[in-house]
Amino acid sequence: MTGIYDFSARDIDGNERSLAEWKGKALLVVNVASKCGFTPQYKGLEELQRQYGAQGFDVLGFPCDQFGHQEPGDEAEIRDFCSLTYDVSFPMFAKIDVNGEHAHPLYKWLKSTKKGFLGTEGIKWNFTKFLVNRDGEVVERYAPTDTPEKIGKDLPAVLG
């Protein structure tokens, strides 16, 4: 059986990282973009990271340029934007595809594990979020319109 800890991904600095590093933590996995109408959610995501990080929670950001070319920069530009604009402290990864033939294996697994509206698998837009409990199980999938503040109400249950 495959679980989230079986995957690895290249971080924003080019280092391959196993998601097993986060074993025992609750995670919010988010496909992000710097030039999207939902980009201000970075602020709320960072607030969740700061509020719950010490309790064993991390946001994992995965930049993606598949929706309206809203993540055109390279990793250095993305890192600088996140740092300077939103003071992002949570782990950021290299740009990936979340849909299609070249979708990252992590996202193939996330989408098949927790389907979206009406059973669809495809990611519809930037800032789709997957909540993973401490056992590595995907417990919720959130739409791009679901704000970090709304998701914050669900965190105590997975941090328990």
Protein backbone atom coordinates (compact mmCIF):
# COMPACT_ATOMS: atom_id res chain seq x y z
CA MET A 1 0.00 0.00 0.00
CA THR A 2 1.31 3.43 -0.94
CA GLY A 3 1.21 6.29 1.54
CA ILE A 4 2.37 9.89 1.54
CA TYR A 5 5.66 8.92 3.20
CA ASP A 6 6.60 6.80 0.19
CA PHE A 7 7.06 9.89 -1.98
CA SER A 8 9.87 12.34 -2.40
CA ALA A 9 10.07 15.68 -4.16
CA ARG A 10 12.69 18.24 -5.03
CA ASP A 11 12.54 21.26 -2.74
CA ILE A 12 12.73 24.86 -3.92
CA ASP A 13 16.53 24.76 -3.47
CA GLY A 14 16.91 21.66 -5.65
CA ASN A 15 17.38 19.07 -2.89
CA GLU A 16 15.50 15.77 -3.12
CA ARG A 17 13.49 15.32 0.09
CA SER A 18 11.60 12.30 1.29
CA LEU A 19 8.16 13.07 2.67
CA ALA A 20 9.04 10.54 5.39
CA GLU A 21 10.75 13.58 7.01
CA TRP A 22 7.24 14.64 8.02
CA LYS A 23 6.18 11.28 9.48
CA GLY A 24 3.97 11.86 12.51
CA LYS A 25 3.02 15.40 11.49
CA ALA A 26 -0.26 16.68 10.13
CA LEU A 27 0.21 18.28 6.70
CA LEU A 28 -1.62 20.63 4.39
CA VAL A 29 -0.37 19.99 0.84
CA VAL A 30 -1.15 22.91 -1.47
CA ASN A 31 -0.48 23.64 -5.15
CA VAL A 32 0.45 27.32 -5.15
CA ALA A 33 1.02 30.11 -7.67
CA SER A 34 2.45 33.62 -7.36
CA LYS A 35 0.16 35.45 -9.81
CA CYS A 36 -3.26 34.02 -9.00
CA GLY A 37 -6.34 35.62 -7.52
CA PHE A 38 -5.92 33.18 -4.62
CA THR A 39 -2.24 34.11 -4.03
CA PRO A 40 -3.14 36.20 -0.94
CA GLN A 41 -3.96 32.84 0.72
CA TYR A 42 -0.20 32.58 1.30
CA LYS A 43 -0.77 34.95 4.23
CA GLY A 44 -3.33 32.64 5.82
CA LEU A 45 -1.27 29.53 5.09
CA GLU A 46 1.71 31.13 6.83
CA GLU A 47 -0.54 32.03 9.79
CA LEU A 48 -1.58 28.35 10.06
CA GLN A 49 2.08 27.33 9.93
CA ARG A 50 3.00 29.74 12.71
CA GLN A 51 -0.03 28.92 14.85
CA TYR A 52 0.15 25.12 14.61
CA GLY A 53 3.76 24.35 13.61
CA ALA A 54 4.89 23.71 17.17
CA GLN A 55 2.03 21.20 17.54
CA GLY A 56 3.32 19.03 14.70
CA PHE A 57 1.82 20.66 11.61
CA ASP A 58 3.37 21.81 8.34
CA VAL A 59 2.09 23.39 5.16
CA LEU A 60 3.88 21.99 2.09
CA GLY A 61 3.77 24.31 -0.93
CA PHE A 62 4.07 22.94 -4.46
CA PRO A 63 4.26 25.66 -7.14
CA CYS A 64 2.43 24.79 -10.35
CA ASP A 65 2.15 26.66 -13.66
CA GLN A 66 -0.69 24.62 -15.20
CA PHE A 67 -3.48 27.11 -14.55
CA GLY A 68 -3.44 30.30 -16.59
CA HIS A 69 0.39 30.50 -16.57
CA GLN A 70 0.16 31.99 -13.06
CA GLU A 71 3.50 30.62 -11.83
CA PRO A 72 5.86 31.70 -14.64
CA GLY A 73 9.02 32.17 -12.56
CA ASP A 74 11.83 29.78 -11.79
CA GLU A 75 12.43 28.38 -8.31
CA ALA A 76 14.63 31.32 -7.22
CA GLU A 77 11.98 33.84 -8.28
CA ILE A 78 9.25 31.83 -6.53
CA ARG A 79 11.31 31.53 -3.33
CA ASP A 80 12.09 35.26 -3.32
CA PHE A 81 8.46 36.19 -3.97
CA CYS A 82 7.19 33.97 -1.14
CA SER A 83 9.84 35.18 1.27
CA LEU A 84 9.66 38.89 0.50
CA THR A 85 5.91 39.20 -0.05
CA TYR A 86 4.47 36.77 2.50
CA ASP A 87 7.43 35.87 4.77
CA VAL A 88 6.74 32.19 4.04
CA SER A 89 8.52 29.88 6.48
CA PHE A 90 6.86 26.59 5.51
CA PRO A 91 8.59 24.14 3.15
CA MET A 92 8.35 25.02 -0.52
CA PHE A 93 9.11 22.62 -3.34
CA ALA A 94 10.20 22.91 -6.96
CA LYS A 95 7.58 23.63 -9.59
CA ILE A 96 5.59 20.53 -10.59
CA ASP A 97 2.64 19.46 -12.71
CA VAL A 98 -0.41 18.34 -10.73
CA ASN A 99 -2.49 17.14 -13.69
CA GLY A 100 -1.82 15.30 -16.91
CA GLU A 101 0.77 12.88 -18.15
CA HIS A 102 3.64 14.55 -16.26
CA ALA A 103 1.81 15.01 -12.95
CA HIS A 104 4.06 14.45 -9.95
CA PRO A 105 3.49 10.97 -8.44
CA LEU A 106 2.53 12.55 -5.12
CA TYR A 107 -0.31 14.41 -6.79
CA LYS A 108 -1.44 11.35 -8.72
CA TRP A 109 -1.73 9.59 -5.36
CA LEU A 110 -3.41 12.52 -3.56
CA LYS A 111 -6.03 12.91 -6.31
CA SER A 112 -6.86 9.20 -6.42
CA THR A 113 -7.01 8.97 -2.62
CA LYS A 114 -9.33 11.94 -2.09
CA LYS A 115 -11.44 12.77 -5.10
CA GLY A 116 -12.93 16.19 -5.69
CA PHE A 117 -16.41 17.44 -6.44
CA LEU A 118 -18.66 14.73 -7.95
CA GLY A 119 -15.81 12.21 -7.78
CA THR A 120 -13.47 14.05 -10.12
CA GLU A 121 -9.74 13.55 -9.66
CA GLY A 122 -8.28 16.47 -11.58
CA ILE A 123 -7.06 19.55 -9.76
CA LYS A 124 -9.29 22.41 -10.93
CA TRP A 125 -7.09 25.40 -10.05
CA ASN A 126 -4.28 26.77 -7.89
CA PHE A 127 -4.58 26.50 -4.11
CA THR A 128 -6.38 23.15 -4.01
CA LYS A 129 -5.48 21.73 -0.59
CA PHE A 130 -5.16 18.23 0.88
CA LEU A 131 -5.22 17.74 4.66
CA VAL A 132 -3.17 14.76 5.84
CA ASN A 133 -3.39 13.42 9.40
CA ARG A 134 -0.47 12.28 11.56
CA ASP A 135 -0.83 8.73 10.19
CA GLY A 136 -0.24 9.96 6.64
CA GLU A 137 -3.87 9.54 5.58
CA VAL A 138 -5.60 12.15 3.42
CA VAL A 139 -8.63 13.18 5.44
CA GLU A 140 -9.94 16.14 3.42
CA ARG A 141 -9.63 17.83 0.06
CA TYR A 142 -10.39 21.53 -0.10
CA ALA A 143 -11.31 23.68 -3.08
CA PRO A 144 -9.22 26.73 -4.01
CA THR A 145 -11.98 28.93 -2.56
CA ASP A 146 -11.68 27.25 0.87
CA THR A 147 -9.63 29.74 2.87
CA PRO A 148 -6.85 28.84 5.29
CA GLU A 149 -9.00 30.37 8.05
CA LYS A 150 -11.77 27.85 7.29
CA ILE A 151 -9.26 24.98 7.20
CA GLY A 152 -7.82 26.14 10.52
CA LYS A 153 -11.07 25.06 12.18
CA ASP A 154 -10.35 21.46 11.09
CA LEU A 155 -6.76 21.35 12.37
CA PRO A 156 -7.39 20.65 16.07
CA ALA A 157 -9.10 17.37 15.11
CA VAL A 158 -6.07 16.12 13.14
CA LEU A 159 -3.56 17.43 15.67
CA GLY A 160 -5.49 15.89 18.57
